[in-house]
Amino acid sequence: MKVSNITDVEKFFKVVDSCKGRVELVTGEGDRLNLKSQLTKYVSLATIFSNGEIPELELVASDAEDVEKLMDFMLNG
């Protein structure tokens, strides 16, 4: 799923952390990074979050309930 215009990065990661299964960021090169990993959050994504907003990401969630959580976040904040 593609997500865009995430302005509350902290809340976004709280939703990701609450997910049961894997939530992965798909990079432009096709690599998949585990967003529940602290290392990924602080090192791999530093450039994306440099201005405090996430313009667009492609995410893959392994659990249907997690997809619903992420969709709810995108629709309702």
N, C-alpha and C. Protein backbone atom coordinates (compact mmCIF):
# COMPACT_ATOMS: atom_id res chain seq x y z
N MET A 1 0.84 -1.16 0.00
CA MET A 1 0.00 0.00 0.00
C MET A 1 0.89 1.23 0.00
N LYS A 2 0.44 2.25 -0.69
CA LYS A 2 1.18 3.52 -0.69
C LYS A 2 0.53 4.43 0.34
N VAL A 3 1.36 5.06 1.14
CA VAL A 3 0.88 6.04 2.12
C VAL A 3 1.59 7.35 1.83
N SER A 4 0.90 8.45 2.12
CA SER A 4 1.51 9.75 1.82
C SER A 4 1.13 10.80 2.84
N ASN A 5 1.92 11.85 2.86
CA ASN A 5 1.69 13.04 3.70
C ASN A 5 1.52 12.71 5.17
N ILE A 6 2.43 11.92 5.70
CA ILE A 6 2.43 11.62 7.13
C ILE A 6 3.11 12.79 7.83
N THR A 7 2.35 13.55 8.59
CA THR A 7 2.92 14.70 9.29
C THR A 7 3.22 14.40 10.75
N ASP A 8 2.53 13.42 11.33
CA ASP A 8 2.79 13.03 12.72
C ASP A 8 3.59 11.73 12.71
N VAL A 9 4.90 11.86 12.55
CA VAL A 9 5.78 10.70 12.43
C VAL A 9 5.76 9.86 13.70
N GLU A 10 5.72 10.52 14.85
CA GLU A 10 5.71 9.79 16.12
C GLU A 10 4.46 8.91 16.22
N LYS A 11 3.31 9.44 15.88
CA LYS A 11 2.07 8.66 15.93
C LYS A 11 2.10 7.53 14.90
N PHE A 12 2.67 7.80 13.72
CA PHE A 12 2.80 6.77 12.70
C PHE A 12 3.58 5.57 13.25
N PHE A 13 4.71 5.84 13.92
CA PHE A 13 5.51 4.74 14.45
C PHE A 13 4.83 4.05 15.62
N LYS A 14 3.98 4.76 16.38
CA LYS A 14 3.22 4.09 17.43
C LYS A 14 2.24 3.09 16.81
N VAL A 15 1.62 3.47 15.70
CA VAL A 15 0.72 2.55 15.01
C VAL A 15 1.51 1.36 14.48
N VAL A 16 2.66 1.62 13.86
CA VAL A 16 3.50 0.53 13.35
C VAL A 16 3.90 -0.41 14.49
N ASP A 17 4.32 0.15 15.62
CA ASP A 17 4.74 -0.67 16.76
C ASP A 17 3.60 -1.51 17.32
N SER A 18 2.37 -1.04 17.18
CA SER A 18 1.22 -1.77 17.70
C SER A 18 0.78 -2.92 16.78
N CYS A 19 1.34 -2.98 15.60
CA CYS A 19 0.98 -4.03 14.66
C CYS A 19 1.50 -5.38 15.13
N LYS A 20 0.73 -6.43 14.86
CA LYS A 20 1.10 -7.78 15.27
C LYS A 20 2.19 -8.38 14.38
N GLY A 21 2.05 -8.20 13.09
CA GLY A 21 2.97 -8.80 12.13
C GLY A 21 4.03 -7.81 11.66
N ARG A 22 4.71 -8.21 10.60
CA ARG A 22 5.76 -7.36 10.03
C ARG A 22 5.14 -6.22 9.24
N VAL A 23 5.76 -5.06 9.36
CA VAL A 23 5.42 -3.90 8.54
C VAL A 23 6.72 -3.47 7.90
N GLU A 24 6.74 -3.50 6.57
CA GLU A 24 7.98 -3.23 5.86
C GLU A 24 7.83 -2.03 4.93
N LEU A 25 8.91 -1.27 4.85
CA LEU A 25 9.03 -0.18 3.90
C LEU A 25 9.70 -0.73 2.67
N VAL A 26 9.12 -0.49 1.50
CA VAL A 26 9.72 -0.92 0.24
C VAL A 26 10.47 0.29 -0.33
N THR A 27 11.77 0.14 -0.50
CA THR A 27 12.59 1.23 -1.02
C THR A 27 12.43 1.33 -2.53
N GLY A 28 12.94 2.40 -3.10
CA GLY A 28 12.91 2.59 -4.54
C GLY A 28 13.64 1.49 -5.29
N GLU A 29 14.61 0.85 -4.63
CA GLU A 29 15.38 -0.24 -5.24
C GLU A 29 14.71 -1.60 -5.04
N GLY A 30 13.57 -1.62 -4.32
CA GLY A 30 12.87 -2.88 -4.10
C GLY A 30 13.25 -3.60 -2.82
N ASP A 31 14.16 -3.03 -2.04
CA ASP A 31 14.52 -3.63 -0.76
C ASP A 31 13.38 -3.44 0.23
N ARG A 32 13.26 -4.36 1.16
CA ARG A 32 12.23 -4.27 2.20
C ARG A 32 12.91 -4.09 3.55
N LEU A 33 12.53 -3.02 4.24
CA LEU A 33 13.10 -2.70 5.54
C LEU A 33 12.02 -2.85 6.61
N ASN A 34 12.33 -3.57 7.68
CA ASN A 34 11.39 -3.80 8.77
C ASN A 34 11.22 -2.51 9.57
N LEU A 35 10.02 -1.90 9.50
CA LEU A 35 9.78 -0.65 10.21
C LEU A 35 9.63 -0.82 11.71
N LYS A 36 9.53 -2.05 12.19
CA LYS A 36 9.44 -2.27 13.62
C LYS A 36 10.84 -2.34 14.25
N SER A 37 11.86 -2.33 13.44
CA SER A 37 13.24 -2.37 13.92
C SER A 37 13.69 -0.97 14.32
N GLN A 38 14.22 -0.85 15.52
CA GLN A 38 14.71 0.44 15.99
C GLN A 38 15.87 0.93 15.13
N LEU A 39 16.72 0.01 14.71
CA LEU A 39 17.85 0.39 13.87
C LEU A 39 17.37 1.00 12.56
N THR A 40 16.38 0.39 11.95
CA THR A 40 15.82 0.92 10.71
C THR A 40 15.25 2.31 10.93
N LYS A 41 14.53 2.48 12.02
CA LYS A 41 13.93 3.78 12.31
C LYS A 41 14.97 4.88 12.39
N TYR A 42 16.04 4.63 13.10
CA TYR A 42 17.01 5.68 13.38
C TYR A 42 18.09 5.84 12.34
N VAL A 43 18.44 4.80 11.63
CA VAL A 43 19.55 4.89 10.68
C VAL A 43 19.06 4.93 9.24
N SER A 44 18.35 3.92 8.80
CA SER A 44 17.98 3.78 7.40
C SER A 44 17.01 4.85 6.91
N LEU A 45 16.14 5.34 7.79
CA LEU A 45 15.12 6.28 7.36
C LEU A 45 15.42 7.73 7.72
N ALA A 46 16.59 8.02 8.23
CA ALA A 46 16.92 9.37 8.68
C ALA A 46 16.71 10.42 7.59
N THR A 47 17.06 10.12 6.38
CA THR A 47 16.92 11.10 5.31
C THR A 47 15.46 11.35 4.95
N ILE A 48 14.62 10.33 5.03
CA ILE A 48 13.20 10.51 4.71
C ILE A 48 12.54 11.46 5.70
N PHE A 49 12.93 11.36 6.96
CA PHE A 49 12.27 12.15 8.00
C PHE A 49 12.99 13.45 8.31
N SER A 50 13.93 13.85 7.51
CA SER A 50 14.76 15.01 7.84
C SER A 50 13.96 16.29 8.02
N ASN A 51 12.82 16.45 7.35
CA ASN A 51 12.05 17.68 7.51
C ASN A 51 10.83 17.48 8.40
N GLY A 52 10.70 16.33 9.05
CA GLY A 52 9.61 16.08 9.97
C GLY A 52 8.32 15.61 9.32
N GLU A 53 8.35 15.36 8.04
CA GLU A 53 7.16 14.90 7.31
C GLU A 53 7.57 13.79 6.36
N ILE A 54 6.70 12.82 6.17
CA ILE A 54 6.96 11.74 5.22
C ILE A 54 6.09 11.99 4.00
N PRO A 55 6.68 12.32 2.86
CA PRO A 55 5.88 12.63 1.68
C PRO A 55 5.15 11.43 1.10
N GLU A 56 5.85 10.30 0.91
CA GLU A 56 5.21 9.09 0.36
C GLU A 56 6.06 7.87 0.65
N LEU A 57 5.39 6.79 1.03
CA LEU A 57 6.06 5.52 1.30
C LEU A 57 5.24 4.39 0.71
N GLU A 58 5.90 3.30 0.38
CA GLU A 58 5.19 2.08 0.04
C GLU A 58 5.42 1.10 1.18
N LEU A 59 4.33 0.62 1.76
CA LEU A 59 4.39 -0.29 2.90
C LEU A 59 3.80 -1.64 2.53
N VAL A 60 4.32 -2.68 3.17
CA VAL A 60 3.76 -4.02 3.07
C VAL A 60 3.53 -4.49 4.50
N ALA A 61 2.27 -4.83 4.81
CA ALA A 61 1.94 -5.36 6.12
C ALA A 61 1.53 -6.82 5.95
N SER A 62 2.03 -7.69 6.84
CA SER A 62 1.80 -9.13 6.70
C SER A 62 0.49 -9.59 7.30
N ASP A 63 -0.16 -8.77 8.12
CA ASP A 63 -1.37 -9.16 8.82
C ASP A 63 -2.53 -8.26 8.37
N ALA A 64 -3.68 -8.85 8.07
CA ALA A 64 -4.83 -8.08 7.59
C ALA A 64 -5.29 -7.04 8.61
N GLU A 65 -5.24 -7.37 9.90
CA GLU A 65 -5.61 -6.40 10.93
C GLU A 65 -4.65 -5.22 10.94
N ASP A 66 -3.39 -5.47 10.68
CA ASP A 66 -2.40 -4.40 10.63
C ASP A 66 -2.68 -3.47 9.45
N VAL A 67 -3.10 -4.03 8.33
CA VAL A 67 -3.46 -3.21 7.17
C VAL A 67 -4.60 -2.27 7.57
N GLU A 68 -5.59 -2.80 8.29
CA GLU A 68 -6.71 -1.98 8.74
C GLU A 68 -6.24 -0.86 9.67
N LYS A 69 -5.32 -1.17 10.60
CA LYS A 69 -4.79 -0.14 11.51
C LYS A 69 -4.10 0.97 10.73
N LEU A 70 -3.28 0.57 9.77
CA LEU A 70 -2.54 1.56 8.98
C LEU A 70 -3.49 2.40 8.13
N MET A 71 -4.51 1.76 7.55
CA MET A 71 -5.50 2.50 6.76
C MET A 71 -6.26 3.48 7.64
N ASP A 72 -6.64 3.04 8.84
CA ASP A 72 -7.34 3.92 9.78
C ASP A 72 -6.48 5.12 10.13
N PHE A 73 -5.19 4.89 10.36
CA PHE A 73 -4.28 6.00 10.64
C PHE A 73 -4.24 6.99 9.48
N MET A 74 -4.16 6.46 8.26
CA MET A 74 -4.09 7.34 7.09
C MET A 74 -5.39 8.13 6.89
N LEU A 75 -6.52 7.52 7.19
CA LEU A 75 -7.80 8.20 6.99
C LEU A 75 -8.18 9.13 8.14
N ASN A 76 -7.86 8.73 9.36
CA ASN A 76 -8.33 9.47 10.53
C ASN A 76 -7.24 10.12 11.37
N GLY A 77 -5.99 9.78 11.05
CA GLY A 77 -4.89 10.36 11.80
C GLY A 77 -4.69 9.81 13.11
